[in-house]
Amino acid sequence: MIKRQIYFVALLIFLPMLSIGCSKQLQIFISSPEEIATRYIQENREDGFTVTIDSVKSIQTIEHNDAALILVQYDGERQGVGQEKCEVVLEVKHNSIAGWKINNGAGLCHEINNSENPAPITVVSSWGYSSLFGDRYSTVFGYVCDPQIVKVAVMWDDGQEQAVEVYMSTYFIVRNGESHMTTITAYDAQGEIVFTEDLVLELPEGN
């Protein structure tokens, strides 16, 4: 069993809203929340970071109330750092007036080969609303660097445990309500613990 420092971020990031659907021409081509999520990443601009356009792909979609929560992965190059891989969850909603729209999202970029932090997974935790009057939801997701890891489990602050299978080197967990994870554990195919970490929540200043 390995216990090492991991990339961990707990946040809710409100992204600039990109409404696709006001144009009849665009509606023809953008017919799913996955398409608008990947398009958003491809068209998004960040100072000092260049997205590799053909690397952007939708990995998993989980529906929650009126929203589709979409895990998107992509590569890019950060000035002064080099190649990075990113995982982001975008909340996408649809209405008859505006069409598909990105409401908010959270994510993390990390160096692909970082010898200074050899942790086998990255961890992102976020919270959001999936409808105007609906319940909040909590997510935990990330990238799995170690190929022997096939399952990731999260223990929440209320004692509930959720486990998911690794898919395309990622994991994605969603639950109702605003909850904080306390422990994350990764398992191999034999059910042996490869990695575990007790997490201390540290929100950015001002939250």
N, C-alpha and C. Protein backbone atom coordinates (compact mmCIF):
# COMPACT_ATOMS: atom_id res chain seq x y z
N MET A 1 0.85 -1.19 0.00
CA MET A 1 0.00 0.00 0.00
C MET A 1 0.89 1.24 0.00
N ILE A 2 0.56 2.20 -0.83
CA ILE A 2 1.36 3.41 -0.95
C ILE A 2 0.54 4.59 -0.47
N LYS A 3 1.15 5.46 0.29
CA LYS A 3 0.48 6.67 0.74
C LYS A 3 1.42 7.84 0.47
N ARG A 4 1.05 8.65 -0.51
CA ARG A 4 1.90 9.75 -0.92
C ARG A 4 1.07 11.00 -1.13
N GLN A 5 1.78 12.10 -1.27
CA GLN A 5 1.08 13.35 -1.54
C GLN A 5 0.40 13.28 -2.90
N ILE A 6 -0.81 13.83 -3.00
CA ILE A 6 -1.52 13.84 -4.27
C ILE A 6 -1.88 15.26 -4.64
N TYR A 7 -2.12 15.44 -5.94
CA TYR A 7 -2.72 16.70 -6.37
C TYR A 7 -4.15 16.70 -5.84
N PHE A 8 -4.53 17.73 -5.10
CA PHE A 8 -5.90 17.80 -4.59
C PHE A 8 -6.38 19.23 -4.65
N VAL A 9 -7.55 19.42 -5.19
CA VAL A 9 -8.13 20.75 -5.23
C VAL A 9 -9.62 20.62 -4.96
N ALA A 10 -10.14 21.48 -4.11
CA ALA A 10 -11.57 21.50 -3.82
C ALA A 10 -12.10 22.87 -4.19
N LEU A 11 -13.00 22.94 -5.14
CA LEU A 11 -13.41 24.23 -5.64
C LEU A 11 -14.67 24.14 -6.45
N LEU A 12 -15.27 25.30 -6.65
CA LEU A 12 -16.37 25.43 -7.60
C LEU A 12 -16.02 26.64 -8.46
N ILE A 13 -15.74 26.41 -9.72
CA ILE A 13 -15.33 27.48 -10.62
C ILE A 13 -16.48 27.81 -11.54
N PHE A 14 -16.86 29.09 -11.58
CA PHE A 14 -17.88 29.51 -12.51
C PHE A 14 -17.18 29.97 -13.78
N LEU A 15 -17.38 29.23 -14.85
CA LEU A 15 -16.75 29.54 -16.11
C LEU A 15 -17.58 30.55 -16.88
N PRO A 16 -16.94 31.32 -17.77
CA PRO A 16 -17.71 32.22 -18.62
C PRO A 16 -18.74 31.42 -19.40
N MET A 17 -19.98 31.86 -19.39
CA MET A 17 -21.03 31.11 -20.05
C MET A 17 -20.89 31.19 -21.56
N LEU A 18 -20.96 30.06 -22.20
CA LEU A 18 -20.91 29.99 -23.65
C LEU A 18 -22.21 29.38 -24.11
N SER A 19 -23.07 30.18 -24.66
CA SER A 19 -24.38 29.71 -25.08
C SER A 19 -24.35 29.36 -26.55
N ILE A 20 -24.58 28.09 -26.85
CA ILE A 20 -24.63 27.63 -28.22
C ILE A 20 -26.06 27.22 -28.52
N GLY A 21 -26.66 27.85 -29.45
CA GLY A 21 -28.04 27.52 -29.74
C GLY A 21 -28.82 28.73 -30.20
N CYS A 22 -28.25 29.92 -30.06
CA CYS A 22 -28.92 31.12 -30.53
C CYS A 22 -28.94 31.17 -32.05
N SER A 23 -27.99 30.51 -32.65
CA SER A 23 -27.92 30.47 -34.10
C SER A 23 -28.51 29.17 -34.61
N LYS A 24 -29.42 29.25 -35.57
CA LYS A 24 -30.01 28.05 -36.13
C LYS A 24 -28.95 27.19 -36.81
N GLN A 25 -27.96 27.83 -37.38
CA GLN A 25 -26.90 27.07 -38.05
C GLN A 25 -26.12 26.23 -37.05
N LEU A 26 -25.82 26.80 -35.87
CA LEU A 26 -25.07 26.06 -34.87
C LEU A 26 -25.90 24.92 -34.30
N GLN A 27 -27.20 25.12 -34.16
CA GLN A 27 -28.05 24.08 -33.60
C GLN A 27 -28.02 22.81 -34.43
N ILE A 28 -27.79 22.93 -35.71
CA ILE A 28 -27.75 21.77 -36.60
C ILE A 28 -26.59 20.86 -36.23
N PHE A 29 -25.46 21.48 -35.86
CA PHE A 29 -24.24 20.70 -35.64
C PHE A 29 -24.05 20.31 -34.18
N ILE A 30 -24.59 21.09 -33.26
CA ILE A 30 -24.39 20.80 -31.84
C ILE A 30 -25.68 20.21 -31.29
N SER A 31 -25.72 18.90 -31.19
CA SER A 31 -26.96 18.21 -30.83
C SER A 31 -26.88 17.49 -29.50
N SER A 32 -25.79 17.62 -28.79
CA SER A 32 -25.67 16.90 -27.52
C SER A 32 -24.84 17.73 -26.54
N PRO A 33 -25.03 17.50 -25.24
CA PRO A 33 -24.22 18.22 -24.25
C PRO A 33 -22.73 17.89 -24.37
N GLU A 34 -22.41 16.67 -24.80
CA GLU A 34 -21.00 16.31 -24.98
C GLU A 34 -20.34 17.17 -26.05
N GLU A 35 -21.08 17.46 -27.11
CA GLU A 35 -20.52 18.28 -28.18
C GLU A 35 -20.23 19.70 -27.71
N ILE A 36 -21.16 20.28 -26.95
CA ILE A 36 -20.91 21.65 -26.50
C ILE A 36 -19.79 21.70 -25.47
N ALA A 37 -19.66 20.63 -24.67
CA ALA A 37 -18.58 20.59 -23.69
C ALA A 37 -17.22 20.55 -24.38
N THR A 38 -17.07 19.69 -25.38
CA THR A 38 -15.78 19.61 -26.08
C THR A 38 -15.53 20.89 -26.87
N ARG A 39 -16.59 21.45 -27.46
CA ARG A 39 -16.43 22.69 -28.22
C ARG A 39 -15.99 23.84 -27.30
N TYR A 40 -16.55 23.88 -26.11
CA TYR A 40 -16.19 24.91 -25.15
C TYR A 40 -14.68 24.87 -24.86
N ILE A 41 -14.16 23.68 -24.60
CA ILE A 41 -12.73 23.55 -24.30
C ILE A 41 -11.89 23.94 -25.52
N GLN A 42 -12.31 23.51 -26.69
CA GLN A 42 -11.56 23.82 -27.90
C GLN A 42 -11.50 25.31 -28.18
N GLU A 43 -12.57 26.03 -27.83
CA GLU A 43 -12.63 27.46 -28.12
C GLU A 43 -12.20 28.33 -26.95
N ASN A 44 -12.05 27.74 -25.78
CA ASN A 44 -11.66 28.52 -24.61
C ASN A 44 -10.21 28.97 -24.73
N ARG A 45 -9.92 30.18 -24.26
CA ARG A 45 -8.58 30.73 -24.32
C ARG A 45 -8.09 31.04 -22.92
N GLU A 46 -6.89 30.61 -22.63
CA GLU A 46 -6.27 30.87 -21.34
C GLU A 46 -4.86 31.39 -21.58
N ASP A 47 -4.52 32.50 -20.95
CA ASP A 47 -3.19 33.08 -21.14
C ASP A 47 -2.11 32.08 -20.74
N GLY A 48 -1.16 31.88 -21.65
CA GLY A 48 -0.03 31.01 -21.34
C GLY A 48 -0.29 29.53 -21.51
N PHE A 49 -1.51 29.17 -21.97
CA PHE A 49 -1.82 27.75 -22.15
C PHE A 49 -2.49 27.55 -23.51
N THR A 50 -1.96 26.58 -24.26
CA THR A 50 -2.49 26.28 -25.60
C THR A 50 -3.04 24.87 -25.62
N VAL A 51 -4.33 24.75 -25.90
CA VAL A 51 -4.99 23.45 -25.95
C VAL A 51 -4.62 22.72 -27.24
N THR A 52 -4.31 21.43 -27.13
CA THR A 52 -4.13 20.58 -28.30
C THR A 52 -5.53 20.17 -28.76
N ILE A 53 -6.00 20.81 -29.84
CA ILE A 53 -7.41 20.71 -30.23
C ILE A 53 -7.87 19.27 -30.42
N ASP A 54 -7.08 18.46 -31.11
CA ASP A 54 -7.54 17.09 -31.41
C ASP A 54 -7.43 16.15 -30.22
N SER A 55 -6.96 16.65 -29.06
CA SER A 55 -6.88 15.80 -27.87
C SER A 55 -8.14 15.91 -27.02
N VAL A 56 -9.01 16.89 -27.30
CA VAL A 56 -10.19 17.13 -26.46
C VAL A 56 -11.22 16.02 -26.68
N LYS A 57 -11.61 15.36 -25.60
CA LYS A 57 -12.60 14.29 -25.73
C LYS A 57 -13.49 14.22 -24.49
N SER A 58 -14.74 13.91 -24.73
CA SER A 58 -15.70 13.68 -23.65
C SER A 58 -15.54 12.25 -23.17
N ILE A 59 -15.28 12.08 -21.87
CA ILE A 59 -15.00 10.76 -21.32
C ILE A 59 -16.25 10.11 -20.72
N GLN A 60 -16.94 10.83 -19.85
CA GLN A 60 -18.11 10.28 -19.18
C GLN A 60 -19.16 11.36 -18.99
N THR A 61 -20.43 10.96 -18.98
CA THR A 61 -21.54 11.86 -18.71
C THR A 61 -22.43 11.26 -17.63
N ILE A 62 -22.74 12.05 -16.61
CA ILE A 62 -23.66 11.65 -15.56
C ILE A 62 -24.76 12.69 -15.46
N GLU A 63 -26.01 12.26 -15.59
CA GLU A 63 -27.13 13.19 -15.50
C GLU A 63 -27.52 13.40 -14.05
N HIS A 64 -27.80 14.67 -13.71
CA HIS A 64 -28.24 15.00 -12.36
C HIS A 64 -29.32 16.06 -12.46
N ASN A 65 -30.54 15.70 -12.11
CA ASN A 65 -31.69 16.58 -12.25
C ASN A 65 -31.76 17.12 -13.68
N ASP A 66 -31.67 18.45 -13.84
CA ASP A 66 -31.81 19.04 -15.16
C ASP A 66 -30.48 19.23 -15.89
N ALA A 67 -29.42 18.72 -15.34
CA ALA A 67 -28.10 18.98 -15.92
C ALA A 67 -27.40 17.70 -16.35
N ALA A 68 -26.50 17.85 -17.30
CA ALA A 68 -25.57 16.78 -17.68
C ALA A 68 -24.19 17.19 -17.19
N LEU A 69 -23.60 16.37 -16.35
CA LEU A 69 -22.25 16.62 -15.84
C LEU A 69 -21.29 15.81 -16.68
N ILE A 70 -20.40 16.51 -17.38
CA ILE A 70 -19.57 15.86 -18.40
C ILE A 70 -18.09 15.98 -18.04
N LEU A 71 -17.43 14.84 -17.95
CA LEU A 71 -16.00 14.81 -17.70
C LEU A 71 -15.28 14.89 -19.04
N VAL A 72 -14.50 15.94 -19.22
CA VAL A 72 -13.75 16.17 -20.45
C VAL A 72 -12.26 16.12 -20.14
N GLN A 73 -11.51 15.50 -21.03
CA GLN A 73 -10.05 15.41 -20.88
C GLN A 73 -9.38 16.00 -22.11
N TYR A 74 -8.25 16.67 -21.90
CA TYR A 74 -7.52 17.24 -23.03
C TYR A 74 -6.07 17.50 -22.63
N ASP A 75 -5.22 17.65 -23.63
CA ASP A 75 -3.82 17.96 -23.44
C ASP A 75 -3.56 19.39 -23.88
N GLY A 76 -2.45 19.92 -23.43
CA GLY A 76 -2.06 21.26 -23.84
C GLY A 76 -0.65 21.57 -23.39
N GLU A 77 -0.17 22.74 -23.77
CA GLU A 77 1.18 23.16 -23.38
C GLU A 77 1.09 24.47 -22.63
N ARG A 78 1.68 24.49 -21.43
CA ARG A 78 1.69 25.69 -20.61
C ARG A 78 3.06 26.36 -20.72
N GLN A 79 3.02 27.63 -20.99
CA GLN A 79 4.25 28.39 -21.15
C GLN A 79 5.11 28.31 -19.89
N GLY A 80 6.37 27.94 -20.07
CA GLY A 80 7.29 27.84 -18.95
C GLY A 80 7.21 26.54 -18.17
N VAL A 81 6.23 25.68 -18.50
CA VAL A 81 6.05 24.41 -17.79
C VAL A 81 6.23 23.24 -18.73
N GLY A 82 5.53 23.28 -19.86
CA GLY A 82 5.59 22.18 -20.82
C GLY A 82 4.24 21.53 -20.99
N GLN A 83 4.25 20.25 -21.39
CA GLN A 83 3.03 19.52 -21.67
C GLN A 83 2.25 19.21 -20.39
N GLU A 84 0.94 19.42 -20.45
CA GLU A 84 0.07 19.09 -19.33
C GLU A 84 -1.14 18.32 -19.83
N LYS A 85 -1.74 17.58 -18.92
CA LYS A 85 -3.01 16.90 -19.19
C LYS A 85 -4.05 17.48 -18.23
N CYS A 86 -5.28 17.68 -18.72
CA CYS A 86 -6.30 18.32 -17.91
C CYS A 86 -7.57 17.47 -17.89
N GLU A 87 -8.23 17.49 -16.74
CA GLU A 87 -9.56 16.89 -16.60
C GLU A 87 -10.47 17.97 -16.02
N VAL A 88 -11.63 18.15 -16.63
CA VAL A 88 -12.58 19.15 -16.16
C VAL A 88 -13.98 18.58 -16.25
N VAL A 89 -14.82 18.89 -15.26
CA VAL A 89 -16.23 18.53 -15.31
C VAL A 89 -17.02 19.80 -15.61
N LEU A 90 -17.80 19.75 -16.68
CA LEU A 90 -18.63 20.87 -17.09
C LEU A 90 -20.10 20.53 -16.86
N GLU A 91 -20.81 21.49 -16.29
CA GLU A 91 -22.26 21.33 -16.09
C GLU A 91 -22.96 21.96 -17.29
N VAL A 92 -23.71 21.15 -18.03
CA VAL A 92 -24.36 21.60 -19.25
C VAL A 92 -25.87 21.46 -19.10
N LYS A 93 -26.61 22.52 -19.44
CA LYS A 93 -28.07 22.49 -19.37
C LYS A 93 -28.65 22.91 -20.72
N HIS A 94 -29.90 22.53 -20.93
CA HIS A 94 -30.58 22.88 -22.17
C HIS A 94 -31.93 23.50 -21.86
N ASN A 95 -32.26 24.59 -22.58
CA ASN A 95 -33.62 25.13 -22.52
C ASN A 95 -34.03 25.54 -23.91
N SER A 96 -35.33 25.74 -24.07
CA SER A 96 -35.88 25.99 -25.41
C SER A 96 -35.48 27.34 -25.97
N ILE A 97 -35.04 28.26 -25.13
CA ILE A 97 -34.69 29.60 -25.60
C ILE A 97 -33.20 29.70 -25.94
N ALA A 98 -32.36 29.31 -25.00
CA ALA A 98 -30.92 29.50 -25.18
C ALA A 98 -30.22 28.28 -25.78
N GLY A 99 -30.88 27.14 -25.81
CA GLY A 99 -30.21 25.93 -26.28
C GLY A 99 -29.26 25.40 -25.23
N TRP A 100 -28.22 24.72 -25.67
CA TRP A 100 -27.24 24.16 -24.74
C TRP A 100 -26.39 25.29 -24.17
N LYS A 101 -26.07 25.18 -22.88
CA LYS A 101 -25.30 26.23 -22.22
C LYS A 101 -24.42 25.64 -21.12
N ILE A 102 -23.17 26.11 -21.06
CA ILE A 102 -22.28 25.74 -19.96
C ILE A 102 -22.63 26.61 -18.77
N ASN A 103 -22.99 25.99 -17.64
CA ASN A 103 -23.31 26.78 -16.45
C ASN A 103 -22.07 27.04 -15.60
N ASN A 104 -21.34 26.01 -15.30
CA ASN A 104 -20.10 26.17 -14.53
C ASN A 104 -19.27 24.92 -14.68
N GLY A 105 -18.13 24.91 -14.05
CA GLY A 105 -17.27 23.75 -14.16
C GLY A 105 -16.10 23.84 -13.20
N ALA A 106 -15.39 22.75 -13.07
CA ALA A 106 -14.20 22.70 -12.22
C ALA A 106 -13.23 21.71 -12.83
N GLY A 107 -11.95 21.94 -12.62
CA GLY A 107 -10.98 21.03 -13.21
C GLY A 107 -9.57 21.27 -12.72
N LEU A 108 -8.67 20.49 -13.27
CA LEU A 108 -7.27 20.55 -12.86
C LEU A 108 -6.38 20.13 -14.01
N CYS A 109 -5.31 20.91 -14.22
CA CYS A 109 -4.28 20.52 -15.18
C CYS A 109 -3.04 20.09 -14.40
N HIS A 110 -2.32 19.11 -14.93
CA HIS A 110 -1.15 18.59 -14.23
C HIS A 110 -0.11 18.18 -15.24
N GLU A 111 1.13 18.23 -14.82
CA GLU A 111 2.21 17.79 -15.71
C GLU A 111 2.08 16.30 -15.99
N ILE A 112 2.35 15.91 -17.21
CA ILE A 112 2.20 14.52 -17.60
C ILE A 112 3.26 13.64 -16.95
N ASN A 113 4.48 14.13 -16.92
CA ASN A 113 5.57 13.37 -16.30
C ASN A 113 6.22 14.24 -15.24
N ASN A 114 5.72 14.12 -14.01
CA ASN A 114 6.24 14.93 -12.91
C ASN A 114 6.91 14.01 -11.89
N SER A 115 8.22 13.93 -11.96
CA SER A 115 8.96 13.03 -11.08
C SER A 115 8.95 13.52 -9.63
N GLU A 116 8.64 14.80 -9.41
CA GLU A 116 8.62 15.35 -8.05
C GLU A 116 7.35 14.97 -7.30
N ASN A 117 6.32 14.56 -8.01
CA ASN A 117 5.08 14.14 -7.35
C ASN A 117 4.56 12.88 -8.04
N PRO A 118 5.08 11.72 -7.61
CA PRO A 118 4.75 10.46 -8.30
C PRO A 118 3.45 9.82 -7.84
N ALA A 119 2.51 10.61 -7.27
CA ALA A 119 1.23 10.04 -6.81
C ALA A 119 0.51 9.42 -7.98
N PRO A 120 -0.20 8.29 -7.76
CA PRO A 120 -0.82 7.55 -8.87
C PRO A 120 -2.14 8.12 -9.37
N ILE A 121 -2.73 9.11 -8.66
CA ILE A 121 -3.98 9.71 -9.12
C ILE A 121 -3.97 11.20 -8.82
N THR A 122 -4.80 11.95 -9.55
CA THR A 122 -5.10 13.33 -9.19
C THR A 122 -6.52 13.36 -8.64
N VAL A 123 -6.82 14.37 -7.84
CA VAL A 123 -8.13 14.44 -7.19
C VAL A 123 -8.67 15.86 -7.29
N VAL A 124 -9.88 15.97 -7.81
CA VAL A 124 -10.59 17.25 -7.83
C VAL A 124 -11.95 17.03 -7.19
N SER A 125 -12.34 17.93 -6.29
CA SER A 125 -13.65 17.88 -5.66
C SER A 125 -14.36 19.20 -5.92
N SER A 126 -15.65 19.14 -6.27
CA SER A 126 -16.39 20.37 -6.54
C SER A 126 -17.84 20.22 -6.14
N TRP A 127 -18.55 21.34 -6.08
CA TRP A 127 -19.95 21.37 -5.71
C TRP A 127 -20.71 22.26 -6.68
N GLY A 128 -22.00 22.03 -6.83
CA GLY A 128 -22.79 22.87 -7.72
C GLY A 128 -24.27 22.61 -7.58
N TYR A 129 -25.06 23.40 -8.34
CA TYR A 129 -26.51 23.23 -8.43
C TYR A 129 -26.84 22.73 -9.82
N SER A 130 -27.67 21.70 -9.93
CA SER A 130 -28.03 21.19 -11.24
C SER A 130 -29.36 21.73 -11.74
N SER A 131 -30.08 22.48 -10.90
CA SER A 131 -31.32 23.15 -11.32
C SER A 131 -31.53 24.35 -10.42
N LEU A 132 -32.35 25.29 -10.87
CA LEU A 132 -32.52 26.55 -10.15
C LEU A 132 -32.98 26.33 -8.72
N PHE A 133 -33.92 25.41 -8.54
CA PHE A 133 -34.45 25.15 -7.19
C PHE A 133 -34.09 23.74 -6.72
N GLY A 134 -33.16 23.11 -7.40
CA GLY A 134 -32.82 21.73 -7.09
C GLY A 134 -31.77 21.60 -6.01
N ASP A 135 -31.50 20.37 -5.62
CA ASP A 135 -30.49 20.10 -4.62
C ASP A 135 -29.10 20.33 -5.20
N ARG A 136 -28.17 20.52 -4.31
CA ARG A 136 -26.79 20.63 -4.73
C ARG A 136 -26.24 19.23 -5.02
N TYR A 137 -25.12 19.19 -5.69
CA TYR A 137 -24.44 17.92 -5.94
C TYR A 137 -22.96 18.09 -5.63
N SER A 138 -22.31 16.98 -5.39
CA SER A 138 -20.87 16.97 -5.12
C SER A 138 -20.21 16.01 -6.10
N THR A 139 -19.02 16.35 -6.55
CA THR A 139 -18.28 15.49 -7.46
C THR A 139 -16.86 15.27 -6.96
N VAL A 140 -16.32 14.13 -7.32
CA VAL A 140 -14.90 13.83 -7.15
C VAL A 140 -14.45 13.15 -8.44
N PHE A 141 -13.37 13.62 -9.01
CA PHE A 141 -12.90 13.03 -10.26
C PHE A 141 -11.41 13.28 -10.42
N GLY A 142 -10.81 12.58 -11.38
CA GLY A 142 -9.38 12.79 -11.61
C GLY A 142 -8.80 11.82 -12.61
N TYR A 143 -7.50 11.92 -12.73
CA TYR A 143 -6.72 11.11 -13.68
C TYR A 143 -6.01 10.01 -12.93
N VAL A 144 -5.97 8.82 -13.52
CA VAL A 144 -5.30 7.67 -12.92
C VAL A 144 -4.01 7.41 -13.69
N CYS A 145 -2.89 7.64 -13.01
CA CYS A 145 -1.58 7.49 -13.66
C CYS A 145 -1.09 6.04 -13.65
N ASP A 146 -1.48 5.29 -12.63
CA ASP A 146 -0.98 3.94 -12.44
C ASP A 146 -1.92 2.94 -13.11
N PRO A 147 -1.45 2.20 -14.13
CA PRO A 147 -2.33 1.29 -14.86
C PRO A 147 -2.85 0.12 -14.05
N GLN A 148 -2.23 -0.20 -12.90
CA GLN A 148 -2.73 -1.31 -12.10
C GLN A 148 -3.98 -0.92 -11.29
N ILE A 149 -4.30 0.37 -11.20
CA ILE A 149 -5.48 0.81 -10.49
C ILE A 149 -6.72 0.63 -11.37
N VAL A 150 -7.70 -0.12 -10.87
CA VAL A 150 -8.91 -0.39 -11.66
C VAL A 150 -10.17 0.15 -10.98
N LYS A 151 -10.07 0.53 -9.71
CA LYS A 151 -11.23 1.03 -8.98
C LYS A 151 -10.80 2.10 -8.00
N VAL A 152 -11.66 3.13 -7.86
CA VAL A 152 -11.40 4.22 -6.91
C VAL A 152 -12.63 4.37 -6.02
N ALA A 153 -12.41 4.47 -4.71
CA ALA A 153 -13.51 4.64 -3.75
C ALA A 153 -13.30 5.90 -2.94
N VAL A 154 -14.42 6.55 -2.61
CA VAL A 154 -14.40 7.78 -1.82
C VAL A 154 -15.26 7.58 -0.58
N MET A 155 -14.76 7.99 0.56
CA MET A 155 -15.54 8.05 1.79
C MET A 155 -15.92 9.50 2.04
N TRP A 156 -17.23 9.75 2.22
CA TRP A 156 -17.72 11.10 2.44
C TRP A 156 -17.81 11.40 3.93
N ASP A 157 -18.01 12.69 4.24
CA ASP A 157 -18.03 13.11 5.64
C ASP A 157 -19.24 12.59 6.42
N ASP A 158 -20.26 12.07 5.73
CA ASP A 158 -21.41 11.50 6.43
C ASP A 158 -21.31 9.97 6.55
N GLY A 159 -20.15 9.42 6.19
CA GLY A 159 -19.94 7.99 6.31
C GLY A 159 -20.31 7.18 5.09
N GLN A 160 -20.91 7.80 4.09
CA GLN A 160 -21.28 7.08 2.86
C GLN A 160 -20.04 6.84 2.01
N GLU A 161 -19.97 5.65 1.40
CA GLU A 161 -18.85 5.31 0.53
C GLU A 161 -19.37 5.07 -0.89
N GLN A 162 -18.65 5.57 -1.86
CA GLN A 162 -18.96 5.34 -3.26
C GLN A 162 -17.70 4.84 -3.96
N ALA A 163 -17.89 3.86 -4.85
CA ALA A 163 -16.76 3.31 -5.60
C ALA A 163 -17.14 3.22 -7.07
N VAL A 164 -16.18 3.49 -7.95
CA VAL A 164 -16.41 3.41 -9.39
C VAL A 164 -15.22 2.73 -10.05
N GLU A 165 -15.49 2.14 -11.20
CA GLU A 165 -14.43 1.54 -11.99
C GLU A 165 -13.68 2.64 -12.76
N VAL A 166 -12.40 2.44 -12.95
CA VAL A 166 -11.59 3.36 -13.75
C VAL A 166 -11.97 3.18 -15.22
N TYR A 167 -12.16 4.30 -15.91
CA TYR A 167 -12.54 4.26 -17.32
C TYR A 167 -11.66 5.23 -18.10
N MET A 168 -10.95 4.72 -19.07
CA MET A 168 -10.05 5.52 -19.90
C MET A 168 -9.11 6.36 -19.03
N SER A 169 -8.55 5.71 -18.02
CA SER A 169 -7.59 6.32 -17.10
C SER A 169 -8.17 7.48 -16.29
N THR A 170 -9.50 7.47 -16.09
CA THR A 170 -10.14 8.48 -15.26
C THR A 170 -11.16 7.82 -14.34
N TYR A 171 -11.57 8.56 -13.32
CA TYR A 171 -12.69 8.14 -12.47
C TYR A 171 -13.58 9.35 -12.24
N PHE A 172 -14.86 9.12 -11.99
CA PHE A 172 -15.84 10.20 -11.90
C PHE A 172 -16.96 9.77 -10.96
N ILE A 173 -17.09 10.48 -9.83
CA ILE A 173 -18.09 10.16 -8.81
C ILE A 173 -18.97 11.37 -8.57
N VAL A 174 -20.29 11.15 -8.54
CA VAL A 174 -21.27 12.22 -8.29
C VAL A 174 -22.25 11.74 -7.23
N ARG A 175 -22.63 12.63 -6.31
CA ARG A 175 -23.65 12.30 -5.33
C ARG A 175 -24.50 13.54 -5.04
N ASN A 176 -25.70 13.31 -4.49
CA ASN A 176 -26.58 14.40 -4.11
C ASN A 176 -26.05 15.12 -2.89
N GLY A 177 -26.33 16.42 -2.82
CA GLY A 177 -26.00 17.20 -1.64
C GLY A 177 -24.58 17.72 -1.65
N GLU A 178 -24.32 18.68 -0.77
CA GLU A 178 -22.96 19.22 -0.64
C GLU A 178 -22.24 18.43 0.44
N SER A 179 -21.31 17.59 0.02
CA SER A 179 -20.56 16.75 0.95
C SER A 179 -19.07 16.91 0.70
N HIS A 180 -18.31 16.57 1.71
CA HIS A 180 -16.86 16.64 1.62
C HIS A 180 -16.28 15.23 1.77
N MET A 181 -15.38 14.87 0.91
CA MET A 181 -14.76 13.55 1.04
C MET A 181 -13.70 13.59 2.13
N THR A 182 -13.54 12.49 2.81
CA THR A 182 -12.56 12.39 3.89
C THR A 182 -11.41 11.46 3.54
N THR A 183 -11.70 10.45 2.70
CA THR A 183 -10.67 9.48 2.33
C THR A 183 -10.88 9.05 0.88
N ILE A 184 -9.80 8.87 0.16
CA ILE A 184 -9.87 8.31 -1.19
C ILE A 184 -8.92 7.12 -1.25
N THR A 185 -9.40 6.04 -1.88
CA THR A 185 -8.63 4.79 -1.93
C THR A 185 -8.68 4.21 -3.33
N ALA A 186 -7.54 3.73 -3.80
CA ALA A 186 -7.46 3.10 -5.12
C ALA A 186 -7.09 1.63 -4.98
N TYR A 187 -7.75 0.78 -5.80
CA TYR A 187 -7.57 -0.67 -5.70
C TYR A 187 -7.09 -1.25 -7.02
N ASP A 188 -6.38 -2.38 -6.91
CA ASP A 188 -6.00 -3.11 -8.11
C ASP A 188 -7.05 -4.17 -8.42
N ALA A 189 -6.80 -4.97 -9.46
CA ALA A 189 -7.79 -5.97 -9.91
C ALA A 189 -8.03 -7.06 -8.88
N GLN A 190 -7.12 -7.26 -7.95
CA GLN A 190 -7.28 -8.27 -6.91
C GLN A 190 -7.94 -7.71 -5.65
N GLY A 191 -8.32 -6.44 -5.70
CA GLY A 191 -8.96 -5.81 -4.55
C GLY A 191 -7.99 -5.32 -3.50
N GLU A 192 -6.70 -5.34 -3.82
CA GLU A 192 -5.69 -4.86 -2.89
C GLU A 192 -5.57 -3.34 -3.00
N ILE A 193 -5.32 -2.70 -1.86
CA ILE A 193 -5.17 -1.24 -1.85
C ILE A 193 -3.81 -0.85 -2.44
N VAL A 194 -3.85 -0.05 -3.48
CA VAL A 194 -2.64 0.46 -4.11
C VAL A 194 -2.25 1.81 -3.51
N PHE A 195 -3.28 2.57 -3.16
CA PHE A 195 -3.04 3.93 -2.68
C PHE A 195 -4.22 4.37 -1.82
N THR A 196 -3.93 5.08 -0.73
CA THR A 196 -5.00 5.65 0.08
C THR A 196 -4.51 6.96 0.67
N GLU A 197 -5.45 7.87 0.87
CA GLU A 197 -5.09 9.18 1.40
C GLU A 197 -6.26 9.75 2.19
N ASP A 198 -5.96 10.23 3.42
CA ASP A 198 -6.94 10.99 4.19
C ASP A 198 -6.80 12.44 3.77
N LEU A 199 -7.93 13.05 3.46
CA LEU A 199 -7.89 14.39 2.87
C LEU A 199 -8.37 15.43 3.87
N VAL A 200 -7.63 16.52 3.92
CA VAL A 200 -8.01 17.67 4.73
C VAL A 200 -8.47 18.75 3.78
N LEU A 201 -9.72 19.18 3.93
CA LEU A 201 -10.30 20.16 3.02
C LEU A 201 -9.70 21.53 3.27
N GLU A 202 -9.17 22.15 2.21
CA GLU A 202 -8.62 23.50 2.28
C GLU A 202 -9.23 24.31 1.15
N LEU A 203 -10.23 25.13 1.47
CA LEU A 203 -10.87 25.95 0.46
C LEU A 203 -10.04 27.20 0.22
N PRO A 204 -10.09 27.76 -1.00
CA PRO A 204 -9.38 29.01 -1.27
C PRO A 204 -9.88 30.11 -0.37
N GLU A 205 -9.03 31.11 -0.09
CA GLU A 205 -9.42 32.22 0.75
C GLU A 205 -10.61 32.95 0.14
N GLY A 206 -11.53 33.38 1.00
CA GLY A 206 -12.70 34.08 0.52
C GLY A 206 -13.91 33.19 0.40
N ASN A 207 -13.75 31.85 0.53
CA ASN A 207 -14.87 30.92 0.45
C ASN A 207 -15.32 30.54 1.86
